[in-house]
Amino acid sequence: MLPDFVVQYAGDTLWALLVYLLLAIAMFRSPPNHIAVLAMAFAGSIELSQLFRPEWLERVRDLPGLRLILGYGFLWSDLLCYAAGIATGWLGETAIGARQVRSRRK
C-alpha cells in the first residue's frame, strides 16, 4: 500500500528519530546540537559495526530484539536515513525551543 521508497527507508529514518528523542529525554538540559551529534555518532557506530562480523557479535545479533537495534547488514543509505531522522528531531526541537523562548519574552 505504501510507496516502495517509504517502505525501504522509513524504518531506518524513524529508528534514528527515536534515538534522537530518547537522548533528548535523557539529556533534557543539553542543547539540541549536542544531542544531534551524539545521536548521529551512536547511529553511525551501530551501522559501522555491521561491517564487522565476529562470531560473538553475530550470536548477539541473533538474540531477540537486538537484531532490530544492531542491524545485520551495512548500507550507505542507512547513514542518510539516520541523518534525516536525526535532523527531523533536531528541527522539531529547535522550532519548539524557539517558540517557547518567543512566548516567554511576551
PDB file of N, CA and C in Angstrom:
ATOM      1  N   MET A   1       0.811  -1.196   0.000  1.00  0.00           N
ATOM      2  CA  MET A   1       0.000   0.000   0.000  1.00  0.00           C
ATOM      3  C   MET A   1       0.862   1.270   0.000  1.00  0.00           C
ATOM      4  N   LEU A   2       1.984   1.217   0.678  1.00  0.00           N
ATOM      5  CA  LEU A   2       2.869   2.385   0.718  1.00  0.00           C
ATOM      6  C   LEU A   2       3.837   2.352  -0.450  1.00  0.00           C
ATOM      7  N   PRO A   3       4.302   3.515  -0.872  1.00  0.00           N
ATOM      8  CA  PRO A   3       5.300   3.547  -1.947  1.00  0.00           C
ATOM      9  C   PRO A   3       6.581   2.816  -1.521  1.00  0.00           C
ATOM     10  N   ASP A   4       7.263   2.234  -2.486  1.00  0.00           N
ATOM     11  CA  ASP A   4       8.484   1.479  -2.197  1.00  0.00           C
ATOM     12  C   ASP A   4       9.528   2.319  -1.457  1.00  0.00           C
ATOM     13  N   PHE A   5       9.635   3.590  -1.812  1.00  0.00           N
ATOM     14  CA  PHE A   5      10.601   4.479  -1.163  1.00  0.00           C
ATOM     15  C   PHE A   5      10.337   4.554   0.339  1.00  0.00           C
ATOM     16  N   VAL A   6       9.073   4.690   0.704  1.00  0.00           N
ATOM     17  CA  VAL A   6       8.701   4.775   2.126  1.00  0.00           C
ATOM     18  C   VAL A   6       8.973   3.446   2.818  1.00  0.00           C
ATOM     19  N   VAL A   7       8.573   2.355   2.185  1.00  0.00           N
ATOM     20  CA  VAL A   7       8.783   1.028   2.771  1.00  0.00           C
ATOM     21  C   VAL A   7      10.266   0.769   3.000  1.00  0.00           C
ATOM     22  N   GLN A   8      11.086   1.164   2.063  1.00  0.00           N
ATOM     23  CA  GLN A   8      12.503   0.871   2.134  1.00  0.00           C
ATOM     24  C   GLN A   8      13.249   1.738   3.153  1.00  0.00           C
ATOM     25  N   TYR A   9      12.870   3.004   3.303  1.00  0.00           N
ATOM     26  CA  TYR A   9      13.677   3.927   4.099  1.00  0.00           C
ATOM     27  C   TYR A   9      13.022   4.452   5.376  1.00  0.00           C
ATOM     28  N   ALA A  10      11.743   4.308   5.534  1.00  0.00           N
ATOM     29  CA  ALA A  10      11.066   4.887   6.699  1.00  0.00           C
ATOM     30  C   ALA A  10      11.515   4.253   8.011  1.00  0.00           C
ATOM     31  N   GLY A  11      11.734   2.966   8.018  1.00  0.00           N
ATOM     32  CA  GLY A  11      12.121   2.290   9.263  1.00  0.00           C
ATOM     33  C   GLY A  11      13.421   2.822   9.834  1.00  0.00           C
ATOM     34  N   ASP A  12      14.430   2.953   9.001  1.00  0.00           N
ATOM     35  CA  ASP A  12      15.722   3.470   9.458  1.00  0.00           C
ATOM     36  C   ASP A  12      15.625   4.928   9.881  1.00  0.00           C
ATOM     37  N   THR A  13      14.833   5.700   9.160  1.00  0.00           N
ATOM     38  CA  THR A  13      14.664   7.113   9.487  1.00  0.00           C
ATOM     39  C   THR A  13      13.958   7.265  10.828  1.00  0.00           C
ATOM     40  N   LEU A  14      12.908   6.492  11.041  1.00  0.00           N
ATOM     41  CA  LEU A  14      12.188   6.544  12.315  1.00  0.00           C
ATOM     42  C   LEU A  14      13.033   6.012  13.463  1.00  0.00           C
ATOM     43  N   TRP A  15      13.861   4.989  13.208  1.00  0.00           N
ATOM     44  CA  TRP A  15      14.757   4.455  14.241  1.00  0.00           C
ATOM     45  C   TRP A  15      15.706   5.548  14.715  1.00  0.00           C
ATOM     46  N   ALA A  16      16.266   6.300  13.783  1.00  0.00           N
ATOM     47  CA  ALA A  16      17.189   7.373  14.154  1.00  0.00           C
ATOM     48  C   ALA A  16      16.467   8.500  14.882  1.00  0.00           C
ATOM     49  N   LEU A  17      15.246   8.798  14.477  1.00  0.00           N
ATOM     50  CA  LEU A  17      14.455   9.799  15.183  1.00  0.00           C
ATOM     51  C   LEU A  17      14.205   9.346  16.618  1.00  0.00           C
ATOM     52  N   LEU A  18      13.919   8.065  16.800  1.00  0.00           N
ATOM     53  CA  LEU A  18      13.729   7.513  18.145  1.00  0.00           C
ATOM     54  C   LEU A  18      15.000   7.664  18.980  1.00  0.00           C
ATOM     55  N   VAL A  19      16.148   7.375  18.383  1.00  0.00           N
ATOM     56  CA  VAL A  19      17.423   7.548  19.086  1.00  0.00           C
ATOM     57  C   VAL A  19      17.566   8.997  19.530  1.00  0.00           C
ATOM     58  N   TYR A  20      17.285   9.931  18.639  1.00  0.00           N
ATOM     59  CA  TYR A  20      17.369  11.354  18.986  1.00  0.00           C
ATOM     60  C   TYR A  20      16.417  11.685  20.136  1.00  0.00           C
ATOM     61  N   LEU A  21      15.177  11.242  20.038  1.00  0.00           N
ATOM     62  CA  LEU A  21      14.185  11.575  21.059  1.00  0.00           C
ATOM     63  C   LEU A  21      14.548  10.985  22.414  1.00  0.00           C
ATOM     64  N   LEU A  22      15.036   9.743  22.433  1.00  0.00           N
ATOM     65  CA  LEU A  22      15.434   9.134  23.704  1.00  0.00           C
ATOM     66  C   LEU A  22      16.604   9.882  24.332  1.00  0.00           C
ATOM     67  N   LEU A  23      17.564  10.274  23.506  1.00  0.00           N
ATOM     68  CA  LEU A  23      18.683  11.063  24.030  1.00  0.00           C
ATOM     69  C   LEU A  23      18.207  12.436  24.501  1.00  0.00           C
ATOM     70  N   ALA A  24      17.274  13.040  23.781  1.00  0.00           N
ATOM     71  CA  ALA A  24      16.750  14.351  24.173  1.00  0.00           C
ATOM     72  C   ALA A  24      16.030  14.270  25.519  1.00  0.00           C
ATOM     73  N   ILE A  25      15.337  13.177  25.757  1.00  0.00           N
ATOM     74  CA  ILE A  25      14.666  12.983  27.045  1.00  0.00           C
ATOM     75  C   ILE A  25      15.697  12.772  28.151  1.00  0.00           C
ATOM     76  N   ALA A  26      16.672  11.921  27.869  1.00  0.00           N
ATOM     77  CA  ALA A  26      17.697  11.616  28.875  1.00  0.00           C
ATOM     78  C   ALA A  26      18.590  12.818  29.169  1.00  0.00           C
ATOM     79  N   MET A  27      18.808  13.650  28.176  1.00  0.00           N
ATOM     80  CA  MET A  27      19.729  14.792  28.302  1.00  0.00           C
ATOM     81  C   MET A  27      18.943  16.097  28.105  1.00  0.00           C
ATOM     82  N   PHE A  28      17.839  16.239  28.820  1.00  0.00           N
ATOM     83  CA  PHE A  28      16.913  17.337  28.555  1.00  0.00           C
ATOM     84  C   PHE A  28      17.508  18.722  28.751  1.00  0.00           C
ATOM     85  N   ARG A  29      18.602  18.844  29.445  1.00  0.00           N
ATOM     86  CA  ARG A  29      19.225  20.156  29.636  1.00  0.00           C
ATOM     87  C   ARG A  29      20.289  20.461  28.568  1.00  0.00           C
ATOM     88  N   SER A  30      20.588  19.491  27.737  1.00  0.00           N
ATOM     89  CA  SER A  30      21.615  19.679  26.707  1.00  0.00           C
ATOM     90  C   SER A  30      21.037  20.386  25.491  1.00  0.00           C
ATOM     91  N   PRO A  31      21.857  21.163  24.801  1.00  0.00           N
ATOM     92  CA  PRO A  31      21.373  21.823  23.583  1.00  0.00           C
ATOM     93  C   PRO A  31      21.109  20.796  22.466  1.00  0.00           C
ATOM     94  N   PRO A  32      20.153  21.098  21.604  1.00  0.00           N
ATOM     95  CA  PRO A  32      19.812  20.175  20.513  1.00  0.00           C
ATOM     96  C   PRO A  32      21.013  19.803  19.639  1.00  0.00           C
ATOM     97  N   ASN A  33      21.951  20.725  19.440  1.00  0.00           N
ATOM     98  CA  ASN A  33      23.127  20.412  18.620  1.00  0.00           C
ATOM     99  C   ASN A  33      23.938  19.264  19.229  1.00  0.00           C
ATOM    100  N   HIS A  34      24.124  19.289  20.539  1.00  0.00           N
ATOM    101  CA  HIS A  34      24.887  18.221  21.198  1.00  0.00           C
ATOM    102  C   HIS A  34      24.166  16.886  21.098  1.00  0.00           C
ATOM    103  N   ILE A  35      22.866  16.937  21.277  1.00  0.00           N
ATOM    104  CA  ILE A  35      22.069  15.706  21.195  1.00  0.00           C
ATOM    105  C   ILE A  35      22.146  15.130  19.782  1.00  0.00           C
ATOM    106  N   ALA A  36      22.049  15.988  18.778  1.00  0.00           N
ATOM    107  CA  ALA A  36      22.100  15.528  17.386  1.00  0.00           C
ATOM    108  C   ALA A  36      23.448  14.886  17.065  1.00  0.00           C
ATOM    109  N   VAL A  37      24.528  15.487  17.528  1.00  0.00           N
ATOM    110  CA  VAL A  37      25.860  14.920  17.271  1.00  0.00           C
ATOM    111  C   VAL A  37      25.994  13.565  17.955  1.00  0.00           C
ATOM    112  N   LEU A  38      25.550  13.484  19.197  1.00  0.00           N
ATOM    113  CA  LEU A  38      25.636  12.217  19.927  1.00  0.00           C
ATOM    114  C   LEU A  38      24.756  11.149  19.275  1.00  0.00           C
ATOM    115  N   ALA A  39      23.563  11.529  18.851  1.00  0.00           N
ATOM    116  CA  ALA A  39      22.660  10.571  18.194  1.00  0.00           C
ATOM    117  C   ALA A  39      23.264  10.064  16.894  1.00  0.00           C
ATOM    118  N   MET A  40      23.869  10.958  16.116  1.00  0.00           N
ATOM    119  CA  MET A  40      24.486  10.530  14.853  1.00  0.00           C
ATOM    120  C   MET A  40      25.698   9.653  15.110  1.00  0.00           C
ATOM    121  N   ALA A  41      26.463   9.967  16.146  1.00  0.00           N
ATOM    122  CA  ALA A  41      27.617   9.132  16.487  1.00  0.00           C
ATOM    123  C   ALA A  41      27.159   7.732  16.905  1.00  0.00           C
ATOM    124  N   PHE A  42      26.100   7.664  17.693  1.00  0.00           N
ATOM    125  CA  PHE A  42      25.568   6.372  18.125  1.00  0.00           C
ATOM    126  C   PHE A  42      25.045   5.575  16.932  1.00  0.00           C
ATOM    127  N   ALA A  43      24.184   6.202  16.136  1.00  0.00           N
ATOM    128  CA  ALA A  43      23.590   5.512  14.988  1.00  0.00           C
ATOM    129  C   ALA A  43      24.658   5.111  13.983  1.00  0.00           C
ATOM    130  N   GLY A  44      25.610   6.002  13.729  1.00  0.00           N
ATOM    131  CA  GLY A  44      26.689   5.690  12.791  1.00  0.00           C
ATOM    132  C   GLY A  44      27.568   4.551  13.288  1.00  0.00           C
ATOM    133  N   SER A  45      27.834   4.526  14.586  1.00  0.00           N
ATOM    134  CA  SER A  45      28.671   3.436  15.116  1.00  0.00           C
ATOM    135  C   SER A  45      27.949   2.096  15.038  1.00  0.00           C
ATOM    136  N   ILE A  46      26.644   2.115  15.245  1.00  0.00           N
ATOM    137  CA  ILE A  46      25.864   0.872  15.088  1.00  0.00           C
ATOM    138  C   ILE A  46      25.951   0.396  13.642  1.00  0.00           C
ATOM    139  N   GLU A  47      25.790   1.322  12.699  1.00  0.00           N
ATOM    140  CA  GLU A  47      25.849   0.943  11.278  1.00  0.00           C
ATOM    141  C   GLU A  47      27.242   0.444  10.905  1.00  0.00           C
ATOM    142  N   LEU A  48      28.271   1.146  11.346  1.00  0.00           N
ATOM    143  CA  LEU A  48      29.643   0.718  11.032  1.00  0.00           C
ATOM    144  C   LEU A  48      29.983  -0.617  11.673  1.00  0.00           C
ATOM    145  N   SER A  49      29.378  -0.904  12.823  1.00  0.00           N
ATOM    146  CA  SER A  49      29.636  -2.201  13.473  1.00  0.00           C
ATOM    147  C   SER A  49      29.159  -3.361  12.608  1.00  0.00           C
ATOM    148  N   GLN A  50      28.253  -3.080  11.677  1.00  0.00           N
ATOM    149  CA  GLN A  50      27.736  -4.131  10.802  1.00  0.00           C
ATOM    150  C   GLN A  50      28.756  -4.571   9.757  1.00  0.00           C
ATOM    151  N   LEU A  51      29.830  -3.800   9.613  1.00  0.00           N
ATOM    152  CA  LEU A  51      30.908  -4.204   8.713  1.00  0.00           C
ATOM    153  C   LEU A  51      31.754  -5.320   9.327  1.00  0.00           C
ATOM    154  N   PHE A  52      31.696  -5.438  10.630  1.00  0.00           N
ATOM    155  CA  PHE A  52      32.474  -6.450  11.346  1.00  0.00           C
ATOM    156  C   PHE A  52      31.567  -7.602  11.718  1.00  0.00           C
ATOM    157  N   ARG A  53      32.039  -8.803  11.475  1.00  0.00           N
ATOM    158  CA  ARG A  53      31.203  -9.974  11.678  1.00  0.00           C
ATOM    159  C   ARG A  53      31.874 -11.059  12.520  1.00  0.00           C
ATOM    160  N   PRO A  54      32.431 -10.692  13.677  1.00  0.00           N
ATOM    161  CA  PRO A  54      32.978 -11.746  14.515  1.00  0.00           C
ATOM    162  C   PRO A  54      31.847 -12.653  15.018  1.00  0.00           C
ATOM    163  N   GLU A  55      32.189 -13.883  15.283  1.00  0.00           N
ATOM    164  CA  GLU A  55      31.175 -14.870  15.656  1.00  0.00           C
ATOM    165  C   GLU A  55      30.388 -14.448  16.896  1.00  0.00           C
ATOM    166  N   TRP A  56      31.075 -13.881  17.904  1.00  0.00           N
ATOM    167  CA  TRP A  56      30.383 -13.484  19.129  1.00  0.00           C
ATOM    168  C   TRP A  56      29.343 -12.387  18.863  1.00  0.00           C
ATOM    169  N   LEU A  57      29.663 -11.466  17.959  1.00  0.00           N
ATOM    170  CA  LEU A  57      28.736 -10.388  17.645  1.00  0.00           C
ATOM    171  C   LEU A  57      27.544 -10.914  16.842  1.00  0.00           C
ATOM    172  N   GLU A  58      27.782 -11.877  15.988  1.00  0.00           N
ATOM    173  CA  GLU A  58      26.674 -12.494  15.240  1.00  0.00           C
ATOM    174  C   GLU A  58      25.728 -13.217  16.198  1.00  0.00           C
ATOM    175  N   ARG A  59      26.271 -13.846  17.233  1.00  0.00           N
ATOM    176  CA  ARG A  59      25.420 -14.501  18.235  1.00  0.00           C
ATOM    177  C   ARG A  59      24.593 -13.465  18.993  1.00  0.00           C
ATOM    178  N   VAL A  60      25.202 -12.331  19.310  1.00  0.00           N
ATOM    179  CA  VAL A  60      24.473 -11.258  19.995  1.00  0.00           C
ATOM    180  C   VAL A  60      23.362 -10.736  19.098  1.00  0.00           C
ATOM    181  N   ARG A  61      23.660 -10.551  17.823  1.00  0.00           N
ATOM    182  CA  ARG A  61      22.647 -10.056  16.880  1.00  0.00           C
ATOM    183  C   ARG A  61      21.478 -11.018  16.729  1.00  0.00           C
ATOM    184  N   ASP A  62      21.704 -12.300  16.993  1.00  0.00           N
ATOM    185  CA  ASP A  62      20.636 -13.284  16.870  1.00  0.00           C
ATOM    186  C   ASP A  62      19.689 -13.297  18.069  1.00  0.00           C
ATOM    187  N   LEU A  63      20.043 -12.592  19.141  1.00  0.00           N
ATOM    188  CA  LEU A  63      19.164 -12.540  20.306  1.00  0.00           C
ATOM    189  C   LEU A  63      17.920 -11.722  19.967  1.00  0.00           C
ATOM    190  N   PRO A  64      16.766 -12.148  20.510  1.00  0.00           N
ATOM    191  CA  PRO A  64      15.516 -11.437  20.191  1.00  0.00           C
ATOM    192  C   PRO A  64      15.617  -9.944  20.514  1.00  0.00           C
ATOM    193  N   GLY A  65      15.177  -9.130  19.591  1.00  0.00           N
ATOM    194  CA  GLY A  65      15.166  -7.689  19.783  1.00  0.00           C
ATOM    195  C   GLY A  65      16.467  -6.997  19.426  1.00  0.00           C
ATOM    196  N   LEU A  66      17.597  -7.638  19.669  1.00  0.00           N
ATOM    197  CA  LEU A  66      18.874  -6.987  19.393  1.00  0.00           C
ATOM    198  C   LEU A  66      19.154  -6.865  17.905  1.00  0.00           C
ATOM    199  N   ARG A  67      18.564  -7.732  17.115  1.00  0.00           N
ATOM    200  CA  ARG A  67      18.741  -7.632  15.665  1.00  0.00           C
ATOM    201  C   ARG A  67      18.151  -6.314  15.157  1.00  0.00           C
ATOM    202  N   LEU A  68      17.050  -5.868  15.786  1.00  0.00           N
ATOM    203  CA  LEU A  68      16.444  -4.591  15.395  1.00  0.00           C
ATOM    204  C   LEU A  68      17.320  -3.414  15.791  1.00  0.00           C
ATOM    205  N   ILE A  69      18.026  -3.531  16.890  1.00  0.00           N
ATOM    206  CA  ILE A  69      18.880  -2.439  17.361  1.00  0.00           C
ATOM    207  C   ILE A  69      20.222  -2.450  16.639  1.00  0.00           C
ATOM    208  N   LEU A  70      20.846  -3.621  16.550  1.00  0.00           N
ATOM    209  CA  LEU A  70      22.195  -3.728  15.994  1.00  0.00           C
ATOM    210  C   LEU A  70      22.230  -3.901  14.486  1.00  0.00           C
ATOM    211  N   GLY A  71      21.111  -4.295  13.892  1.00  0.00           N
ATOM    212  CA  GLY A  71      21.080  -4.497  12.448  1.00  0.00           C
ATOM    213  C   GLY A  71      21.890  -5.698  12.022  1.00  0.00           C
ATOM    214  N   TYR A  72      21.976  -5.908  10.717  1.00  0.00           N
ATOM    215  CA  TYR A  72      22.687  -7.090  10.245  1.00  0.00           C
ATOM    216  C   TYR A  72      23.418  -6.879   8.933  1.00  0.00           C
ATOM    217  N   GLY A  73      23.269  -5.750   8.278  1.00  0.00           N
ATOM    218  CA  GLY A  73      23.979  -5.521   7.024  1.00  0.00           C
ATOM    219  C   GLY A  73      24.234  -4.049   6.810  1.00  0.00           C
ATOM    220  N   PHE A  74      25.469  -3.696   6.490  1.00  0.00           N
ATOM    221  CA  PHE A  74      25.840  -2.295   6.282  1.00  0.00           C
ATOM    222  C   PHE A  74      25.280  -1.788   4.961  1.00  0.00           C
ATOM    223  N   LEU A  75      24.673  -0.607   5.014  1.00  0.00           N
ATOM    224  CA  LEU A  75      24.212   0.087   3.807  1.00  0.00           C
ATOM    225  C   LEU A  75      24.509   1.571   3.960  1.00  0.00           C
ATOM    226  N   TRP A  76      25.107   2.157   2.939  1.00  0.00           N
ATOM    227  CA  TRP A  76      25.364   3.595   2.971  1.00  0.00           C
ATOM    228  C   TRP A  76      24.066   4.375   3.087  1.00  0.00           C
ATOM    229  N   SER A  77      23.013   3.873   2.469  1.00  0.00           N
ATOM    230  CA  SER A  77      21.734   4.581   2.507  1.00  0.00           C
ATOM    231  C   SER A  77      21.188   4.689   3.930  1.00  0.00           C
ATOM    232  N   ASP A  78      21.535   3.731   4.791  1.00  0.00           N
ATOM    233  CA  ASP A  78      21.090   3.804   6.181  1.00  0.00           C
ATOM    234  C   ASP A  78      21.662   5.042   6.868  1.00  0.00           C
ATOM    235  N   LEU A  79      22.904   5.383   6.558  1.00  0.00           N
ATOM    236  CA  LEU A  79      23.507   6.577   7.163  1.00  0.00           C
ATOM    237  C   LEU A  79      22.742   7.836   6.751  1.00  0.00           C
ATOM    238  N   LEU A  80      22.280   7.875   5.510  1.00  0.00           N
ATOM    239  CA  LEU A  80      21.476   9.012   5.049  1.00  0.00           C
ATOM    240  C   LEU A  80      20.123   9.051   5.758  1.00  0.00           C
ATOM    241  N   CYS A  81      19.535   7.877   5.949  1.00  0.00           N
ATOM    242  CA  CYS A  81      18.264   7.811   6.677  1.00  0.00           C
ATOM    243  C   CYS A  81      18.450   8.271   8.118  1.00  0.00           C
ATOM    244  N   TYR A  82      19.546   7.854   8.739  1.00  0.00           N
ATOM    245  CA  TYR A  82      19.810   8.267  10.122  1.00  0.00           C
ATOM    246  C   TYR A  82      19.955   9.781  10.189  1.00  0.00           C
ATOM    247  N   ALA A  83      20.678  10.345   9.241  1.00  0.00           N
ATOM    248  CA  ALA A  83      20.852  11.805   9.220  1.00  0.00           C
ATOM    249  C   ALA A  83      19.498  12.498   9.055  1.00  0.00           C
ATOM    250  N   ALA A  84      18.639  11.958   8.217  1.00  0.00           N
ATOM    251  CA  ALA A  84      17.317  12.563   8.002  1.00  0.00           C
ATOM    252  C   ALA A  84      16.456  12.465   9.262  1.00  0.00           C
ATOM    253  N   GLY A  85      16.481  11.317   9.923  1.00  0.00           N
ATOM    254  CA  GLY A  85      15.692  11.151  11.145  1.00  0.00           C
ATOM    255  C   GLY A  85      16.172  12.044  12.269  1.00  0.00           C
ATOM    256  N   ILE A  86      17.489  12.126  12.434  1.00  0.00           N
ATOM    257  CA  ILE A  86      18.061  12.968  13.481  1.00  0.00           C
ATOM    258  C   ILE A  86      17.830  14.437  13.164  1.00  0.00           C
ATOM    259  N   ALA A  87      17.948  14.812  11.899  1.00  0.00           N
ATOM    260  CA  ALA A  87      17.676  16.196  11.500  1.00  0.00           C
ATOM    261  C   ALA A  87      16.221  16.560  11.770  1.00  0.00           C
ATOM    262  N   THR A  88      15.316  15.628  11.564  1.00  0.00           N
ATOM    263  CA  THR A  88      13.901  15.877  11.847  1.00  0.00           C
ATOM    264  C   THR A  88      13.697  16.159  13.335  1.00  0.00           C
ATOM    265  N   GLY A  89      14.313  15.344  14.182  1.00  0.00           N
ATOM    266  CA  GLY A  89      14.215  15.577  15.621  1.00  0.00           C
ATOM    267  C   GLY A  89      14.835  16.897  16.019  1.00  0.00           C
ATOM    268  N   TRP A  90      16.002  17.189  15.463  1.00  0.00           N
ATOM    269  CA  TRP A  90      16.693  18.446  15.768  1.00  0.00           C
ATOM    270  C   TRP A  90      15.865  19.648  15.332  1.00  0.00           C
ATOM    271  N   LEU A  91      15.323  19.588  14.114  1.00  0.00           N
ATOM    272  CA  LEU A  91      14.498  20.694  13.618  1.00  0.00           C
ATOM    273  C   LEU A  91      13.253  20.888  14.481  1.00  0.00           C
ATOM    274  N   GLY A  92      12.625  19.785  14.850  1.00  0.00           N
ATOM    275  CA  GLY A  92      11.437  19.875  15.695  1.00  0.00           C
ATOM    276  C   GLY A  92      11.748  20.468  17.053  1.00  0.00           C
ATOM    277  N   GLU A  93      12.808  19.997  17.675  1.00  0.00           N
ATOM    278  CA  GLU A  93      13.168  20.520  18.990  1.00  0.00           C
ATOM    279  C   GLU A  93      13.612  21.976  18.911  1.00  0.00           C
ATOM    280  N   THR A  94      14.351  22.321  17.878  1.00  0.00           N
ATOM    281  CA  THR A  94      14.798  23.697  17.704  1.00  0.00           C
ATOM    282  C   THR A  94      13.601  24.623  17.479  1.00  0.00           C
ATOM    283  N   ALA A  95      12.643  24.196  16.674  1.00  0.00           N
ATOM    284  CA  ALA A  95      11.448  25.009  16.416  1.00  0.00           C
ATOM    285  C   ALA A  95      10.625  25.176  17.684  1.00  0.00           C
ATOM    286  N   ILE A  96      10.450  24.122  18.457  1.00  0.00           N
ATOM    287  CA  ILE A  96       9.695  24.208  19.710  1.00  0.00           C
ATOM    288  C   ILE A  96      10.420  25.108  20.693  1.00  0.00           C
ATOM    289  N   GLY A  97      11.743  24.952  20.785  1.00  0.00           N
ATOM    290  CA  GLY A  97      12.526  25.791  21.694  1.00  0.00           C
ATOM    291  C   GLY A  97      12.452  27.251  21.327  1.00  0.00           C
ATOM    292  N   ALA A  98      12.525  27.566  20.050  1.00  0.00           N
ATOM    293  CA  ALA A  98      12.441  28.955  19.598  1.00  0.00           C
ATOM    294  C   ALA A  98      11.066  29.528  19.909  1.00  0.00           C
ATOM    295  N   ARG A  99      10.040  28.726  19.741  1.00  0.00           N
ATOM    296  CA  ARG A  99       8.681  29.173  20.031  1.00  0.00           C
ATOM    297  C   ARG A  99       8.521  29.447  21.524  1.00  0.00           C
ATOM    298  N   GLN A 100       9.085  28.577  22.362  1.00  0.00           N
ATOM    299  CA  GLN A 100       8.980  28.776  23.809  1.00  0.00           C
ATOM    300  C   GLN A 100       9.739  30.022  24.252  1.00  0.00           C
ATOM    301  N   VAL A 101      10.887  30.296  23.653  1.00  0.00           N
ATOM    302  CA  VAL A 101      11.648  31.493  24.000  1.00  0.00           C
ATOM    303  C   VAL A 101      10.859  32.739  23.620  1.00  0.00           C
ATOM    304  N   ARG A 102      10.248  32.730  22.437  1.00  0.00           N
ATOM    305  CA  ARG A 102       9.440  33.885  22.000  1.00  0.00           C
ATOM    306  C   ARG A 102       8.249  34.086  22.908  1.00  0.00           C
ATOM    307  N   SER A 103       7.595  32.994  23.347  1.00  0.00           N
ATOM    308  CA  SER A 103       6.416  33.148  24.198  1.00  0.00           C
ATOM    309  C   SER A 103       6.804  33.635  25.596  1.00  0.00           C
ATOM    310  N   ARG A 104       7.978  33.311  26.085  1.00  0.00           N
ATOM    311  CA  ARG A 104       8.428  33.794  27.396  1.00  0.00           C
ATOM    312  C   ARG A 104       8.759  35.279  27.363  1.00  0.00           C
ATOM    313  N   ARG A 105       9.164  35.780  26.209  1.00  0.00           N
ATOM    314  CA  ARG A 105       9.508  37.199  26.079  1.00  0.00           C
ATOM    315  C   ARG A 105       8.287  38.105  26.162  1.00  0.00           C
ATOM    316  N   LYS A 106       7.133  37.562  25.815  1.00  0.00           N
ATOM    317  CA  LYS A 106       5.912  38.392  25.796  1.00  0.00           C
ATOM    318  C   LYS A 106       5.382  38.661  27.174  1.00  0.00           C
TER     319      LYS A 106
END
